[in-house]
Amino acid sequence: MGRKNKLARFAECKTFDNLFEYSYERLKEEGFPMKGHWHEFFGNDNPIVLELGCGKGEYTIGLARVHPNINYIGVDIKGARMWVGIKQGMAEGLKNVAFVRTRIELIESFFAEDEVDEIWITFPDPQILKARKRLTAPPYLERYKKFLKKDSYVNLKTDNDLLYEFTLEVANEAGYPVVYNYNDLYANDDELEVKHIRTFYEQMWLKQGLTIKYLKFKVK
């Protein structure tokens, strides 16, 4: 994408009612006014589910289509990418979708205690050389627990063996019950919704013969 297109998308992003951008400095000075009030934004008391590192928001939009009675919030730092998902959601008239542009390190600044019901992490950067920066590393899970409801679930979908094995080890060592554990999601006959929502890159990787891994565990 050219710089001109990126700038145009950034400018349009500032006009979207369902995209929230707050810098670290602004968060520190003012705090995030929607924290603890997301149900008021959506106008209902339906569950709230996050997709962290949502990229273009394909999975966020896919889930929102299937579950109109659940509110979905995609979180990423790349505004030009999220523009794609926001525009798609608007075109489809989806009212149960919002987006937050921020670094995941600041995620607890945007959500209050017991405000979130579930987390999805779909095809994140595996951070091969920096385990502490993986979105399923213990420090990140501790952040999530600050706003997740009791016994909520974290879902990981990835093509990366290292990240999958790392996350499984983290869950087991922490004593988090693992509900689903597939090192080759499409090699079994289980009928799972997670199979039916596929991002552009997931479809590309499947065509290349890569295996998709899926973990779902309960954060106690």
C-alpha atoms as a PDB file:
ATOM      1  CA  MET A   1       0.000   0.000   0.000  1.00  0.00           C
ATOM      2  CA  GLY A   2       1.368   3.414  -0.960  1.00  0.00           C
ATOM      3  CA  ARG A   3       1.970   6.166   1.567  1.00  0.00           C
ATOM      4  CA  LYS A   4      -0.796   8.272   0.013  1.00  0.00           C
ATOM      5  CA  ASN A   5      -3.369   5.522   0.516  1.00  0.00           C
ATOM      6  CA  LYS A   6      -2.230   4.966   4.094  1.00  0.00           C
ATOM      7  CA  LEU A   7      -2.580   8.643   4.907  1.00  0.00           C
ATOM      8  CA  ALA A   8      -6.052   8.688   3.362  1.00  0.00           C
ATOM      9  CA  ARG A   9      -7.087   5.710   5.477  1.00  0.00           C
ATOM     10  CA  PHE A  10      -5.660   7.254   8.642  1.00  0.00           C
ATOM     11  CA  ALA A  11      -7.629  10.431   7.942  1.00  0.00           C
ATOM     12  CA  GLU A  12     -10.860   8.504   7.358  1.00  0.00           C
ATOM     13  CA  CYS A  13     -10.300   6.429  10.502  1.00  0.00           C
ATOM     14  CA  LYS A  14     -10.645   9.604  12.563  1.00  0.00           C
ATOM     15  CA  THR A  15     -14.221   9.953  11.310  1.00  0.00           C
ATOM     16  CA  PHE A  16     -15.395   6.484  12.386  1.00  0.00           C
ATOM     17  CA  ASP A  17     -17.680   6.358  15.417  1.00  0.00           C
ATOM     18  CA  ASN A  18     -16.663   2.810  16.331  1.00  0.00           C
ATOM     19  CA  LEU A  19     -12.877   3.276  16.262  1.00  0.00           C
ATOM     20  CA  PHE A  20     -11.136   4.527  19.404  1.00  0.00           C
ATOM     21  CA  GLU A  21      -7.555   5.838  19.411  1.00  0.00           C
ATOM     22  CA  TYR A  22      -5.828   7.088  22.551  1.00  0.00           C
ATOM     23  CA  SER A  23      -2.093   7.713  22.869  1.00  0.00           C
ATOM     24  CA  TYR A  24      -0.131   6.633  25.933  1.00  0.00           C
ATOM     25  CA  GLU A  25       0.193  10.274  26.983  1.00  0.00           C
ATOM     26  CA  ARG A  26      -3.535  10.878  26.688  1.00  0.00           C
ATOM     27  CA  LEU A  27      -4.355   7.682  28.568  1.00  0.00           C
ATOM     28  CA  LYS A  28      -1.998   8.724  31.340  1.00  0.00           C
ATOM     29  CA  GLU A  29      -3.490  12.211  31.603  1.00  0.00           C
ATOM     30  CA  GLU A  30      -7.192  11.553  31.037  1.00  0.00           C
ATOM     31  CA  GLY A  31      -7.779   7.835  31.169  1.00  0.00           C
ATOM     32  CA  PHE A  32     -10.088   6.166  28.669  1.00  0.00           C
ATOM     33  CA  PRO A  33     -13.682   7.337  29.194  1.00  0.00           C
ATOM     34  CA  MET A  34     -15.214   4.165  27.744  1.00  0.00           C
ATOM     35  CA  LYS A  35     -13.457   1.953  30.279  1.00  0.00           C
ATOM     36  CA  GLY A  36     -16.213   0.237  32.229  1.00  0.00           C
ATOM     37  CA  HIS A  37     -18.866   1.650  29.882  1.00  0.00           C
ATOM     38  CA  TRP A  38     -18.603  -0.511  26.777  1.00  0.00           C
ATOM     39  CA  HIS A  39     -22.105  -1.910  27.251  1.00  0.00           C
ATOM     40  CA  GLU A  40     -23.407   1.642  27.075  1.00  0.00           C
ATOM     41  CA  PHE A  41     -21.628   2.124  23.752  1.00  0.00           C
ATOM     42  CA  PHE A  42     -23.197  -1.027  22.300  1.00  0.00           C
ATOM     43  CA  GLY A  43     -26.544  -0.250  23.898  1.00  0.00           C
ATOM     44  CA  ASN A  44     -26.993  -3.722  25.381  1.00  0.00           C
ATOM     45  CA  ASP A  45     -25.708  -6.097  28.059  1.00  0.00           C
ATOM     46  CA  ASN A  46     -24.507  -8.750  25.619  1.00  0.00           C
ATOM     47  CA  PRO A  47     -21.119 -10.442  26.174  1.00  0.00           C
ATOM     48  CA  ILE A  48     -18.015  -8.602  25.010  1.00  0.00           C
ATOM     49  CA  VAL A  49     -15.310 -10.515  23.148  1.00  0.00           C
ATOM     50  CA  LEU A  50     -11.919  -9.151  22.061  1.00  0.00           C
ATOM     51  CA  GLU A  51      -9.712 -10.067  19.133  1.00  0.00           C
ATOM     52  CA  LEU A  52      -6.169  -8.986  19.976  1.00  0.00           C
ATOM     53  CA  GLY A  53      -3.852  -8.206  17.083  1.00  0.00           C
ATOM     54  CA  CYS A  54      -6.852  -8.198  14.767  1.00  0.00           C
ATOM     55  CA  GLY A  55      -5.053  -6.911  11.668  1.00  0.00           C
ATOM     56  CA  LYS A  56      -7.696  -6.220   9.037  1.00  0.00           C
ATOM     57  CA  GLY A  57     -10.408  -7.360  11.416  1.00  0.00           C
ATOM     58  CA  GLU A  58     -11.411 -10.349   9.326  1.00  0.00           C
ATOM     59  CA  TYR A  59     -11.970 -12.606  12.307  1.00  0.00           C
ATOM     60  CA  THR A  60     -13.707  -9.883  14.310  1.00  0.00           C
ATOM     61  CA  ILE A  61     -16.132  -9.297  11.451  1.00  0.00           C
ATOM     62  CA  GLY A  62     -16.560 -13.029  10.840  1.00  0.00           C
ATOM     63  CA  LEU A  63     -17.530 -13.666  14.455  1.00  0.00           C
ATOM     64  CA  ALA A  64     -19.836 -10.641  14.524  1.00  0.00           C
ATOM     65  CA  ARG A  65     -21.719 -11.953  11.494  1.00  0.00           C
ATOM     66  CA  VAL A  66     -22.317 -15.332  13.099  1.00  0.00           C
ATOM     67  CA  HIS A  67     -23.171 -14.020  16.580  1.00  0.00           C
ATOM     68  CA  PRO A  68     -25.256 -10.832  16.403  1.00  0.00           C
ATOM     69  CA  ASN A  69     -26.013 -11.129  20.135  1.00  0.00           C
ATOM     70  CA  ILE A  70     -22.340 -10.820  21.102  1.00  0.00           C
ATOM     71  CA  ASN A  71     -20.296  -7.609  20.939  1.00  0.00           C
ATOM     72  CA  TYR A  72     -16.864  -7.861  19.318  1.00  0.00           C
ATOM     73  CA  ILE A  73     -13.934  -5.465  19.632  1.00  0.00           C
ATOM     74  CA  GLY A  74     -10.866  -5.768  17.426  1.00  0.00           C
ATOM     75  CA  VAL A  75      -7.613  -4.392  18.826  1.00  0.00           C
ATOM     76  CA  ASP A  76      -4.492  -3.568  16.832  1.00  0.00           C
ATOM     77  CA  ILE A  77      -1.913  -0.825  16.391  1.00  0.00           C
ATOM     78  CA  LYS A  78      -2.169  -0.730  12.582  1.00  0.00           C
ATOM     79  CA  GLY A  79      -4.908   1.754  11.770  1.00  0.00           C
ATOM     80  CA  ALA A  80      -4.628   1.380   7.997  1.00  0.00           C
ATOM     81  CA  ARG A  81      -5.246  -2.349   8.348  1.00  0.00           C
ATOM     82  CA  MET A  82      -8.221  -1.988  10.676  1.00  0.00           C
ATOM     83  CA  TRP A  83      -9.749   0.414   8.163  1.00  0.00           C
ATOM     84  CA  VAL A  84     -10.547  -2.644   6.034  1.00  0.00           C
ATOM     85  CA  GLY A  85     -12.561  -4.360   8.767  1.00  0.00           C
ATOM     86  CA  ILE A  86     -14.313  -1.178   9.817  1.00  0.00           C
ATOM     87  CA  LYS A  87     -15.433  -0.469   6.258  1.00  0.00           C
ATOM     88  CA  GLN A  88     -16.612  -4.052   5.844  1.00  0.00           C
ATOM     89  CA  GLY A  89     -18.609  -3.930   9.062  1.00  0.00           C
ATOM     90  CA  MET A  90     -20.186  -0.642   8.017  1.00  0.00           C
ATOM     91  CA  ALA A  91     -21.090  -2.002   4.592  1.00  0.00           C
ATOM     92  CA  GLU A  92     -22.839  -4.947   6.232  1.00  0.00           C
ATOM     93  CA  GLY A  93     -24.564  -2.814   8.838  1.00  0.00           C
ATOM     94  CA  LEU A  94     -23.022  -4.669  11.762  1.00  0.00           C
ATOM     95  CA  LYS A  95     -23.867  -2.904  15.018  1.00  0.00           C
ATOM     96  CA  ASN A  96     -22.004  -5.297  17.314  1.00  0.00           C
ATOM     97  CA  VAL A  97     -18.473  -4.361  16.223  1.00  0.00           C
ATOM     98  CA  ALA A  98     -15.954  -1.791  17.435  1.00  0.00           C
ATOM     99  CA  PHE A  99     -12.200  -1.325  17.144  1.00  0.00           C
ATOM    100  CA  VAL A 100      -9.458   0.033  19.375  1.00  0.00           C
ATOM    101  CA  ARG A 101      -6.142   1.231  18.000  1.00  0.00           C
ATOM    102  CA  THR A 102      -3.445   0.711  20.617  1.00  0.00           C
ATOM    103  CA  ARG A 103      -0.481  -1.423  21.581  1.00  0.00           C
ATOM    104  CA  ILE A 104      -1.521  -4.592  23.392  1.00  0.00           C
ATOM    105  CA  GLU A 105       0.811  -3.575  26.240  1.00  0.00           C
ATOM    106  CA  LEU A 106      -1.758  -0.892  27.100  1.00  0.00           C
ATOM    107  CA  ILE A 107      -4.833  -3.080  26.774  1.00  0.00           C
ATOM    108  CA  GLU A 108      -5.862  -2.955  30.441  1.00  0.00           C
ATOM    109  CA  SER A 109      -6.263   0.821  30.107  1.00  0.00           C
ATOM    110  CA  PHE A 110      -9.302   0.294  27.893  1.00  0.00           C
ATOM    111  CA  PHE A 111     -11.339  -2.269  29.826  1.00  0.00           C
ATOM    112  CA  ALA A 112     -12.548  -2.456  33.418  1.00  0.00           C
ATOM    113  CA  GLU A 113     -12.633  -5.405  35.790  1.00  0.00           C
ATOM    114  CA  ASP A 114     -15.065  -8.141  34.675  1.00  0.00           C
ATOM    115  CA  GLU A 115     -15.933  -6.263  31.480  1.00  0.00           C
ATOM    116  CA  VAL A 116     -14.718  -8.825  28.922  1.00  0.00           C
ATOM    117  CA  ASP A 117     -16.040 -12.355  28.439  1.00  0.00           C
ATOM    118  CA  GLU A 118     -13.532 -13.938  26.046  1.00  0.00           C
ATOM    119  CA  ILE A 119     -10.378 -13.291  24.005  1.00  0.00           C
ATOM    120  CA  TRP A 120      -9.351 -14.415  20.533  1.00  0.00           C
ATOM    121  CA  ILE A 121      -5.740 -14.227  19.344  1.00  0.00           C
ATOM    122  CA  THR A 122      -5.586 -15.142  15.670  1.00  0.00           C
ATOM    123  CA  PHE A 123      -2.310 -15.589  13.791  1.00  0.00           C
ATOM    124  CA  PRO A 124      -0.253 -13.127  15.850  1.00  0.00           C
ATOM    125  CA  ASP A 125       3.436 -12.438  15.324  1.00  0.00           C
ATOM    126  CA  PRO A 126       5.084 -15.470  17.022  1.00  0.00           C
ATOM    127  CA  GLN A 127       8.000 -13.304  18.193  1.00  0.00           C
ATOM    128  CA  ILE A 128      10.508 -16.098  17.522  1.00  0.00           C
ATOM    129  CA  LEU A 129      13.349 -14.401  19.407  1.00  0.00           C
ATOM    130  CA  LYS A 130      11.364 -12.627  22.159  1.00  0.00           C
ATOM    131  CA  ALA A 131       9.160 -15.005  24.134  1.00  0.00           C
ATOM    132  CA  ARG A 132       8.116 -12.272  26.567  1.00  0.00           C
ATOM    133  CA  LYS A 133       6.490 -10.352  23.681  1.00  0.00           C
ATOM    134  CA  ARG A 134       4.236 -13.222  22.609  1.00  0.00           C
ATOM    135  CA  LEU A 135       0.585 -12.378  23.210  1.00  0.00           C
ATOM    136  CA  THR A 136       0.131 -15.589  25.197  1.00  0.00           C
ATOM    137  CA  ALA A 137       3.168 -15.044  27.426  1.00  0.00           C
ATOM    138  CA  PRO A 138       2.445 -14.986  31.201  1.00  0.00           C
ATOM    139  CA  PRO A 139       2.818 -11.175  31.545  1.00  0.00           C
ATOM    140  CA  TYR A 140       0.174 -10.662  28.863  1.00  0.00           C
ATOM    141  CA  LEU A 141      -2.181 -13.215  30.402  1.00  0.00           C
ATOM    142  CA  GLU A 142      -1.847 -11.360  33.699  1.00  0.00           C
ATOM    143  CA  ARG A 143      -2.889  -8.160  31.901  1.00  0.00           C
ATOM    144  CA  TYR A 144      -5.931  -9.881  30.437  1.00  0.00           C
ATOM    145  CA  LYS A 145      -7.001 -11.217  33.822  1.00  0.00           C
ATOM    146  CA  LYS A 146      -7.447  -7.634  35.029  1.00  0.00           C
ATOM    147  CA  PHE A 147     -10.539  -7.242  32.832  1.00  0.00           C
ATOM    148  CA  LEU A 148     -11.653 -10.798  32.018  1.00  0.00           C
ATOM    149  CA  LYS A 149     -14.582 -12.247  33.897  1.00  0.00           C
ATOM    150  CA  LYS A 150     -13.919 -15.205  36.167  1.00  0.00           C
ATOM    151  CA  ASP A 151     -13.127 -18.432  34.307  1.00  0.00           C
ATOM    152  CA  SER A 152     -13.118 -16.768  30.882  1.00  0.00           C
ATOM    153  CA  TYR A 153     -11.585 -18.316  27.792  1.00  0.00           C
ATOM    154  CA  VAL A 154      -8.598 -17.414  25.650  1.00  0.00           C
ATOM    155  CA  ASN A 155      -8.468 -18.781  22.084  1.00  0.00           C
ATOM    156  CA  LEU A 156      -5.307 -19.049  20.010  1.00  0.00           C
ATOM    157  CA  LYS A 157      -5.326 -19.849  16.304  1.00  0.00           C
ATOM    158  CA  THR A 158      -1.909 -19.993  14.637  1.00  0.00           C
ATOM    159  CA  ASP A 159       0.155 -21.640  11.934  1.00  0.00           C
ATOM    160  CA  ASN A 160       3.316 -21.421  14.048  1.00  0.00           C
ATOM    161  CA  ASP A 161       4.497 -24.560  15.870  1.00  0.00           C
ATOM    162  CA  LEU A 162       6.675 -22.649  18.308  1.00  0.00           C
ATOM    163  CA  LEU A 163       3.881 -20.328  19.441  1.00  0.00           C
ATOM    164  CA  TYR A 164       1.417 -23.199  19.730  1.00  0.00           C
ATOM    165  CA  GLU A 165       3.765 -25.335  21.845  1.00  0.00           C
ATOM    166  CA  PHE A 166       4.801 -22.329  23.940  1.00  0.00           C
ATOM    167  CA  THR A 167       1.185 -21.419  24.691  1.00  0.00           C
ATOM    168  CA  LEU A 168       0.252 -24.983  25.564  1.00  0.00           C
ATOM    169  CA  GLU A 169       3.170 -25.129  27.999  1.00  0.00           C
ATOM    170  CA  VAL A 170       2.185 -21.787  29.556  1.00  0.00           C
ATOM    171  CA  ALA A 171      -1.404 -22.976  30.062  1.00  0.00           C
ATOM    172  CA  ASN A 172      -0.324 -26.291  31.558  1.00  0.00           C
ATOM    173  CA  GLU A 173       2.224 -24.724  33.907  1.00  0.00           C
ATOM    174  CA  ALA A 174      -0.339 -22.167  35.112  1.00  0.00           C
ATOM    175  CA  GLY A 175      -2.965 -24.839  35.654  1.00  0.00           C
ATOM    176  CA  TYR A 176      -5.340 -23.346  33.096  1.00  0.00           C
ATOM    177  CA  PRO A 177      -7.754 -26.071  31.884  1.00  0.00           C
ATOM    178  CA  VAL A 178      -7.332 -26.696  28.151  1.00  0.00           C
ATOM    179  CA  VAL A 179     -10.709 -27.152  26.459  1.00  0.00           C
ATOM    180  CA  TYR A 180      -9.548 -27.629  22.850  1.00  0.00           C
ATOM    181  CA  ASN A 181      -6.098 -28.630  21.690  1.00  0.00           C
ATOM    182  CA  TYR A 182      -5.500 -29.288  17.996  1.00  0.00           C
ATOM    183  CA  ASN A 183      -2.032 -29.311  16.463  1.00  0.00           C
ATOM    184  CA  ASP A 184      -3.700 -29.834  13.066  1.00  0.00           C
ATOM    185  CA  LEU A 185      -7.171 -28.323  13.218  1.00  0.00           C
ATOM    186  CA  TYR A 186      -8.384 -29.553   9.835  1.00  0.00           C
ATOM    187  CA  ALA A 187      -7.079 -33.115  10.189  1.00  0.00           C
ATOM    188  CA  ASN A 188      -9.989 -34.138  12.442  1.00  0.00           C
ATOM    189  CA  ASP A 189     -13.716 -34.554  11.890  1.00  0.00           C
ATOM    190  CA  ASP A 190     -14.845 -32.457  14.851  1.00  0.00           C
ATOM    191  CA  GLU A 191     -17.455 -29.889  13.856  1.00  0.00           C
ATOM    192  CA  LEU A 192     -16.079 -26.625  15.219  1.00  0.00           C
ATOM    193  CA  GLU A 193     -17.067 -23.088  14.321  1.00  0.00           C
ATOM    194  CA  VAL A 194     -13.414 -22.088  14.429  1.00  0.00           C
ATOM    195  CA  LYS A 195     -12.959 -24.021  11.180  1.00  0.00           C
ATOM    196  CA  HIS A 196     -15.478 -21.952   9.271  1.00  0.00           C
ATOM    197  CA  ILE A 197     -14.118 -18.460   9.859  1.00  0.00           C
ATOM    198  CA  ARG A 198     -10.881 -18.141   7.912  1.00  0.00           C
ATOM    199  CA  THR A 199      -8.751 -15.093   7.264  1.00  0.00           C
ATOM    200  CA  PHE A 200      -7.165 -14.397   3.897  1.00  0.00           C
ATOM    201  CA  TYR A 201      -3.785 -15.551   5.141  1.00  0.00           C
ATOM    202  CA  GLU A 202      -5.178 -18.691   6.748  1.00  0.00           C
ATOM    203  CA  GLN A 203      -6.670 -19.753   3.425  1.00  0.00           C
ATOM    204  CA  MET A 204      -3.373 -19.001   1.713  1.00  0.00           C
ATOM    205  CA  TRP A 205      -1.400 -21.034   4.249  1.00  0.00           C
ATOM    206  CA  LEU A 206      -3.792 -23.968   3.937  1.00  0.00           C
ATOM    207  CA  LYS A 207      -3.265 -23.948   0.171  1.00  0.00           C
ATOM    208  CA  GLN A 208       0.477 -24.078   0.849  1.00  0.00           C
ATOM    209  CA  GLY A 209      -0.018 -27.190   2.960  1.00  0.00           C
ATOM    210  CA  LEU A 210       0.670 -25.580   6.338  1.00  0.00           C
ATOM    211  CA  THR A 211      -1.175 -26.922   9.374  1.00  0.00           C
ATOM    212  CA  ILE A 212      -3.333 -24.688  11.557  1.00  0.00           C
ATOM    213  CA  LYS A 213      -3.197 -25.098  15.327  1.00  0.00           C
ATOM    214  CA  TYR A 214      -5.969 -24.179  17.756  1.00  0.00           C
ATOM    215  CA  LEU A 215      -5.977 -23.893  21.531  1.00  0.00           C
ATOM    216  CA  LYS A 216      -8.757 -22.843  23.860  1.00  0.00           C
ATOM    217  CA  PHE A 217      -8.070 -22.618  27.573  1.00  0.00           C
ATOM    218  CA  LYS A 218      -9.744 -21.204  30.637  1.00  0.00           C
ATOM    219  CA  VAL A 219      -7.925 -18.449  32.508  1.00  0.00           C
ATOM    220  CA  LYS A 220      -8.687 -19.101  36.178  1.00  0.00           C
END
